[in-house]
Structure formats: C-alpha cells, structure tokens
Protein backbone atom coordinates (compact mmCIF):
# COMPACT_ATOMS: atom_id res chain seq x y z
CA MET A 1 85.53 79.85 112.70
CA GLN A 2 86.71 82.37 114.77
CA ASP A 3 89.87 80.67 116.16
CA LYS A 4 90.75 79.67 112.80
CA LYS A 5 90.76 83.23 112.03
CA ILE A 6 92.92 84.21 114.78
CA SER A 7 95.40 81.63 113.88
CA ILE A 8 96.62 83.89 111.04
CA THR A 9 99.69 85.77 111.58
CA SER A 10 101.02 88.77 110.32
CA GLU A 11 104.11 86.80 109.48
CA LYS A 12 101.85 83.92 107.65
CA VAL A 13 100.10 86.55 105.64
CA VAL A 14 103.61 88.24 104.55
CA LYS A 15 105.29 85.24 103.88
CA VAL A 16 102.28 83.70 101.85
CA SER A 17 102.32 87.42 100.00
CA PHE A 18 106.32 86.75 99.72
CA LEU A 19 105.69 83.12 97.87
CA VAL A 20 103.06 84.48 95.62
CA ASP A 21 105.70 87.28 94.43
CA ILE A 22 107.95 85.09 93.36
CA SER A 23 106.25 83.24 91.24
CA ASP A 24 104.72 86.04 89.25
CA VAL A 25 107.88 87.52 88.40
CA LEU A 26 109.09 83.93 86.73
CA ILE A 27 106.11 83.53 85.38
CA ASN A 28 105.19 86.52 84.17
CA LEU A 29 108.86 87.86 83.15
CA LEU A 30 109.33 84.72 81.21
CA VAL A 31 105.77 85.37 79.53
CA SER A 32 106.49 88.89 78.70
CA ILE A 33 109.67 87.58 76.90
CA LEU A 34 107.55 84.98 74.76
CA SER A 35 104.49 87.51 73.98
CA GLY A 36 106.11 90.87 73.80
CA SER A 37 103.29 92.29 75.94
CA VAL A 38 104.33 95.54 77.93
CA VAL A 39 101.13 94.30 80.31
CA MET A 40 103.12 91.25 81.13
CA PHE A 41 106.19 93.17 81.76
CA SER A 42 104.42 95.27 84.29
CA GLN A 43 103.33 92.23 85.87
CA ALA A 44 106.59 91.01 86.33
CA LEU A 45 107.61 94.77 87.18
CA GLN A 46 104.45 94.83 89.91
CA GLY A 47 105.80 91.68 91.11
CA GLY A 48 109.37 92.30 91.56
CA ALA A 49 108.67 95.65 93.26
CA ASP A 50 106.26 93.20 95.68
CA LEU A 51 108.72 90.70 96.40
CA LEU A 52 111.23 93.70 97.33
CA ALA A 53 108.35 95.25 99.40
CA SER A 54 107.18 91.93 100.93
CA GLY A 55 110.53 91.04 101.84
CA PHE A 56 111.21 94.39 103.87
CA LEU A 57 107.84 93.45 106.04
CA VAL A 58 109.35 90.15 106.80
CA PHE A 59 112.47 91.66 107.93
CA GLY A 60 110.46 94.30 109.55
CA ILE A 61 108.36 91.56 111.10
CA LYS A 62 111.35 89.82 112.71
CA LYS A 63 113.25 93.24 114.25
CA SER A 64 110.19 94.39 115.92
CA LYS A 65 109.95 90.83 117.80
CA ARG A 66 113.48 91.66 119.62
CA LEU A 67 113.22 91.97 123.40
CA PRO A 68 113.29 95.59 125.12
CA ASP A 69 116.22 96.95 126.06
CA HIS A 70 117.54 99.79 127.85
CA LYS A 71 117.57 102.18 125.09
CA HIS A 72 114.57 100.63 123.75
CA PRO A 73 112.22 100.09 127.28
CA PHE A 74 108.57 99.49 125.27
CA GLY A 75 110.36 97.04 122.44
CA TYR A 76 111.15 97.52 118.87
CA GLY A 77 107.34 97.18 117.39
CA ARG A 78 107.14 100.53 115.74
CA GLU A 79 110.32 99.48 113.62
CA THR A 80 107.27 97.40 111.60
CA TYR A 81 106.03 100.92 110.73
CA PHE A 82 109.73 102.19 108.80
CA TRP A 83 110.17 98.75 107.07
CA THR A 84 106.19 98.86 105.99
CA PHE A 85 107.13 102.78 104.73
CA LEU A 86 110.03 101.08 102.68
CA SER A 87 107.70 98.84 101.41
CA ALA A 88 105.03 101.07 100.10
CA LEU A 89 107.78 103.85 98.37
CA THR A 90 109.57 100.94 97.14
CA THR A 91 105.93 99.90 95.00
CA PHE A 92 105.27 103.53 94.29
CA LEU A 93 108.42 104.61 92.68
CA ILE A 94 109.15 101.45 90.68
CA THR A 95 106.09 99.66 90.11
CA ALA A 96 103.72 102.41 89.64
CA GLY A 97 106.39 104.83 87.87
CA VAL A 98 107.66 102.24 85.59
CA SER A 99 105.02 100.66 84.58
CA PHE A 100 103.22 104.03 83.52
CA TYR A 101 105.81 105.38 81.54
CA LEU A 102 106.32 101.68 79.87
CA GLY A 103 102.90 101.92 78.86
CA LEU A 104 102.51 105.35 77.78
CA LYS A 105 105.52 104.69 75.34
CA ARG A 106 103.90 101.26 74.06
CA PHE A 107 100.63 103.25 73.68
CA LEU A 108 102.50 106.13 71.66
CA ASN A 109 103.97 103.21 69.91
CA PRO A 110 102.07 100.26 69.56
CA GLN A 111 103.29 96.57 68.72
CA PRO A 112 101.95 93.47 68.10
CA ILE A 113 101.78 90.88 71.12
CA ASP A 114 102.46 87.34 70.19
CA ASN A 115 101.26 84.00 71.89
CA VAL A 116 97.84 85.97 73.28
CA ASN A 117 96.04 83.12 74.87
CA LEU A 118 99.02 82.08 77.22
CA VAL A 119 99.43 85.68 78.10
CA ILE A 120 95.39 85.08 78.73
CA VAL A 121 95.97 81.90 80.90
CA VAL A 122 98.57 83.57 83.04
CA LEU A 123 96.78 86.47 84.31
CA LEU A 124 93.83 84.10 85.40
CA VAL A 125 96.06 82.36 87.35
CA SER A 126 97.80 85.87 88.76
CA ILE A 127 94.53 87.13 89.85
CA LEU A 128 93.56 83.50 91.42
CA THR A 129 97.25 83.16 93.68
CA ASN A 130 97.25 86.74 94.37
CA GLY A 131 92.99 86.77 95.63
CA TYR A 132 94.09 83.92 97.94
CA ALA A 133 96.77 85.60 99.52
CA MET A 134 94.57 88.62 99.78
CA SER A 135 91.94 86.69 101.28
CA LEU A 136 94.68 85.73 104.16
CA SER A 137 95.43 89.27 105.01
CA PHE A 138 91.85 90.37 105.03
CA ARG A 139 90.54 87.25 107.39
CA ARG A 140 93.62 88.24 109.34
CA LEU A 141 92.65 92.13 109.80
CA LEU A 142 88.82 90.61 110.25
CA GLY A 143 89.73 87.98 112.80
CA LYS A 144 91.43 90.42 114.90
CA SER A 145 89.63 93.24 114.86
CA VAL A 146 87.50 95.35 117.39
CA TYR A 147 85.29 96.96 114.25
CA LYS A 148 82.02 96.01 112.99
CA ASN A 149 82.28 97.68 109.97
CA VAL A 150 84.97 96.36 107.16
CA LEU A 151 85.44 99.90 106.45
CA GLN A 152 86.60 100.97 109.80
CA ILE A 153 88.67 98.08 109.95
CA PHE A 154 90.46 98.93 106.82
CA LEU A 155 91.17 102.22 107.88
CA HIS A 156 91.56 102.00 111.88
CA SER A 157 93.22 98.53 112.29
CA ALA A 158 96.65 98.86 113.98
CA PHE A 159 97.88 95.76 111.86
CA ILE A 160 99.91 97.82 109.55
CA ALA A 161 102.60 95.09 108.17
CA THR A 162 99.19 92.62 107.37
CA LYS A 163 97.02 95.90 105.88
CA THR A 164 100.32 96.58 103.47
CA ALA A 165 100.55 93.03 102.45
CA PHE A 166 96.65 92.89 101.61
CA VAL A 167 97.31 96.26 99.64
CA LEU A 168 100.38 94.63 97.80
CA ASP A 169 98.12 91.85 96.87
CA LEU A 170 95.33 93.71 96.01
CA MET A 171 97.97 95.75 93.59
CA GLY A 172 98.48 92.15 92.29
CA THR A 173 95.07 91.03 91.91
CA LEU A 174 93.70 94.31 90.63
CA ALA A 175 97.14 94.75 88.08
CA SER A 176 95.79 90.86 86.84
CA ILE A 177 92.32 92.05 86.49
CA LEU A 178 93.50 95.50 84.62
CA GLY A 179 95.89 93.55 82.34
CA LEU A 180 93.47 90.28 81.57
CA ILE A 181 90.60 93.48 80.70
CA SER A 182 93.10 94.74 78.44
CA ILE A 183 94.61 91.91 76.59
CA LEU A 184 91.00 90.58 75.65
CA LEU A 185 90.21 93.96 74.41
CA TYR A 186 93.22 93.87 72.42
CA LYS A 187 92.57 90.01 71.15
CA PHE A 188 88.88 90.86 70.17
CA SER A 189 89.92 94.59 68.52
CA ASN A 190 93.38 93.93 67.27
CA ASN A 191 94.02 97.91 68.82
CA GLN A 192 97.37 97.62 69.50
CA LYS A 193 97.33 100.56 71.67
CA LEU A 194 95.28 98.46 74.23
CA ASP A 195 98.65 96.64 75.44
CA GLY A 196 100.08 99.96 76.36
CA LEU A 197 96.93 101.64 77.93
CA GLY A 198 96.89 98.41 79.92
CA ALA A 199 99.91 99.19 81.61
CA MET A 200 99.03 102.88 82.29
CA LEU A 201 96.00 101.44 84.28
CA ILE A 202 97.96 99.24 86.49
CA GLY A 203 100.79 102.17 87.70
CA THR A 204 97.71 104.59 88.23
CA THR A 205 95.89 101.92 89.99
CA LEU A 206 99.30 100.94 91.88
CA ALA A 207 100.16 104.51 93.00
CA ILE A 208 97.22 105.26 94.09
CA LEU A 209 97.11 102.18 96.99
CA ALA A 210 100.46 102.76 97.73
CA ILE A 211 100.01 106.22 98.40
CA TYR A 212 97.60 105.25 100.66
CA ILE A 213 99.93 102.83 102.72
CA LEU A 214 102.70 105.30 102.58
CA LYS A 215 100.47 107.72 104.51
CA SER A 216 99.08 105.20 106.86
CA ALA A 217 102.83 104.23 107.98
CA LYS A 218 103.68 107.76 108.38
CA ASP A 219 100.84 108.14 110.81
CA PHE A 220 101.92 105.40 112.92
CA LEU A 221 105.53 106.40 112.64
CA VAL A 222 105.35 109.72 113.89
CA GLY A 223 102.67 108.62 116.46
CA GLN A 224 98.93 107.71 116.33
CA SER A 225 96.37 106.99 118.98
CA ALA A 226 93.68 104.44 118.75
CA SER A 227 90.47 105.15 117.09
CA LEU A 228 87.46 106.92 119.31
CA ASP A 229 85.51 103.81 119.41
CA THR A 230 88.80 102.14 121.01
CA GLU A 231 89.16 105.02 123.32
CA ASP A 232 85.40 105.15 124.11
CA LYS A 233 85.60 101.38 125.61
CA ILE A 234 88.53 102.36 127.96
CA LYS A 235 87.04 105.42 129.13
CA SER A 236 83.71 103.58 129.81
CA THR A 237 85.07 100.02 131.30
CA VAL A 238 87.06 102.13 133.83
CA GLU A 239 84.22 104.43 134.53
CA ALA A 240 82.08 101.10 135.42
CA LEU A 241 83.93 100.49 138.42
CA SER A 242 82.11 102.25 141.17
CA GLU A 243 85.65 103.24 142.65
CA VAL A 244 85.74 105.95 140.04
CA LYS A 245 84.35 109.10 139.70
CA LYS A 246 85.46 109.92 136.28
CA VAL A 247 88.43 109.33 133.68
CA ILE A 248 90.27 113.21 133.53
CA GLY A 249 92.34 111.97 130.87
CA LEU A 250 92.94 109.72 128.23
CA ARG A 251 96.46 109.71 126.09
CA THR A 252 96.93 106.15 123.55
CA LEU A 253 99.89 105.31 121.18
CA HIS A 254 100.51 102.18 119.17
CA ILE A 255 103.91 101.75 119.89
CA GLY A 256 103.72 98.26 117.35
CA THR A 257 101.23 96.37 115.00
CA ASP A 258 99.68 94.65 118.03
CA THR A 259 100.65 96.86 120.93
CA LEU A 260 98.69 99.98 122.70
CA LEU A 261 100.48 102.12 125.24
CA VAL A 262 97.56 103.81 127.18
CA ASP A 263 97.80 106.43 130.17
CA ILE A 264 94.65 106.88 131.54
CA GLU A 265 94.14 109.54 134.64
CA VAL A 266 91.28 108.83 136.96
CA ASN A 267 89.34 110.50 139.78
CA LEU A 268 88.90 108.00 142.70
CA GLN A 269 85.98 108.07 145.29
CA ASP A 270 86.91 109.69 148.76
CA GLY A 271 87.57 107.35 151.67
CA LEU A 272 89.60 104.97 149.80
CA THR A 273 92.89 103.62 151.67
CA THR A 274 96.34 103.14 150.55
CA ASP A 275 95.69 99.27 149.68
CA GLN A 276 92.21 100.02 148.53
CA ILE A 277 93.54 101.96 145.79
CA GLU A 278 96.55 99.38 144.76
CA ILE A 279 94.03 97.35 144.12
CA LEU A 280 91.90 99.42 142.16
CA ILE A 281 94.66 100.42 139.84
CA ASP A 282 95.40 96.55 139.45
CA LYS A 283 92.01 95.96 138.33
CA ILE A 284 91.68 99.08 136.38
CA GLN A 285 94.75 97.49 134.16
CA ALA A 286 93.48 94.39 134.09
CA ASP A 287 90.19 95.37 132.88
CA ILE A 288 91.37 97.90 130.39
CA VAL A 289 93.72 94.62 129.28
CA LYS A 290 90.41 92.26 129.10
CA GLN A 291 88.24 94.59 126.78
CA VAL A 292 91.25 95.96 124.50
CA PRO A 293 93.86 92.99 124.34
CA GLU A 294 96.18 95.07 122.42
CA ALA A 295 96.70 97.66 125.52
CA LYS A 296 99.80 95.88 127.04
CA GLU A 297 101.32 98.93 128.42
CA VAL A 298 98.70 100.58 131.02
CA ARG A 299 99.76 103.55 132.96
CA VAL A 300 97.03 104.49 135.40
CA GLU A 301 97.90 107.87 137.54
CA LEU A 302 95.08 109.64 140.26
CA GLU A 303 94.21 113.11 139.53
CA THR A 304 91.97 115.73 141.00
CA PRO A 305 89.93 117.81 138.38
CA LYS A 306 90.78 120.97 140.23
CA VAL A 307 94.47 119.59 140.02
CA LYS A 308 93.96 118.31 136.64
CA ALA A 309 92.51 121.78 135.93
CA LEU A 310 95.92 123.94 137.24
CA LEU A 311 98.48 121.67 134.99
C-alpha cells in the first residue's frame, strides 16, 4: 500500500486536477447558460481559474526539472514556488473576487433559476470528480511525508505543487457542496436570494484557501527551513555516531519540492586521522540522506565550540 502511495507523483496529481478543471469549465458553463444560475456561473469561473492555476503548476513542475547549470548550481527546484504563487494569486483575484461580486449582485437583484434538477445533478458530479482529484493529492502528501499528524503534513510538507493542487481541488469540492446546499434550499424554499448567497459563500471560501497558499508559497520563495522535527532527526542521527561529540550548528533550506539543502557543523572526537575524518564525513552525509531522503544536498563542516563562539 505504501508503494502505491509513493508512486503518485506531483506531476500526476497536477495533471488530474488539470483534466478535472477542463470538464468543470465546459459542463458548468453550459449549465449556467441553460439555468441562469449565478452559482453555476461561479462554478464555471472557479473551474476556469483553477484550470489556469493548474496550468501554471504543470508549467512550473516542468521548468523545475531542468538540470543545474553555472547560473543555478542547485538546479531550478524553487521555480515551482514562483508558479505556485502565481497560481494562488490567480485563484484569489479572479475566482474569489468575481464570484463574490456576481453573488452579491444576484443577492441584491434575485432572479429565478431554470432546470434546477440539472444543476443539482451537475453539482453532484462535480463533487465526485473534484473529490477524486483531491484524494490523489492527499495520498501523495501522506505517502511521502515523515509526519504522523495529518495537520502537520499539510502545514509543513514541502510538496508545494501537490498542496496547491489539493487546495484547488478542495476549493472545487467545497464550492460544489456550498452550491448544492444553496440550490437545494432554493428548490425547497423558492427563495431566489439563495442563489446569490451561495455564490458569495463560494467566493469567500476560495479567498481564505487562496490566501493560505499565497502565504505558503511566499515562505518557500523567501527561503524556508525544514521543520523542527526534521532538523531534530538530522541532529540525533549525526550525534548518534561515536566519533561526533556534538552538532554545533545546523541550517536547512528547501531548494525544491523534494530537495533539502543541509549545512551542518560538527565537533569531532580528538585523535582522528585525516583518512578517518574523510570517511566519517561521507558516513554523516549518507546517514542524513537515509533518515531524510529529501536531503539531497548535504554540506558537513568541522568546528570546535571555542571557534564557533568567536564567530
């Protein structure tokens, strides 16, 4: 079961989300025209913005896979963060803003909805398709994470493209659920304002989720370290070696969705020869990578507490 989870790549997650968004746009746009429902138009708009956002993610993942060169010696992994930021910004400005605006207009000037049953069926299908895409991204996060708590996985995982795809599909699912509730209430109460209210709720929900992704992408763009749990694991792994007295300093930096830069300073036992030190450094690097697979760039520096204190 674990192997099945790990086989779900970020690229697969984003592509599935992309295909779901295409179907959402086409179906919801057609139904919004047939029914005149602003909820369905918000759904189509949400799908269109998500389609553009998913396109940014697909493009960002491809760009991030370029090999390192002289100008970018650590590769292009962080480019994913930039395109993720654009993706979330698109969702926030277009989907959330326009959905709320149109919903407010319809709430103030309510109009009847045609083909209500068709709207309900399409919203149910949308819940299923977006829910499936969301489950893929969640399994990707769960299968590759070192965290045991689900909230920790979502808050601290460096798979920003997968998290964004998850949030986009969560947006689609929640938007469909909120739309379905408002349309059902409209059907049974005949309160025409509920159509506009549903669109406003969709816009508000999307804005909150988009803000979270914007903040997360910004943190990784600026330069975010590994979580405290990961850094503690690195320290304990190195200090478990008999030749190591103490880890004096540790700095980490996410330089890609699956790549962590580790700069560690260690104080060694006295009396080690040059050959022993070289072998030990290789072992430190290997042990760190074994415990933290994403630590693909490991730098080991030798320091003494006195020298460190003077710096």
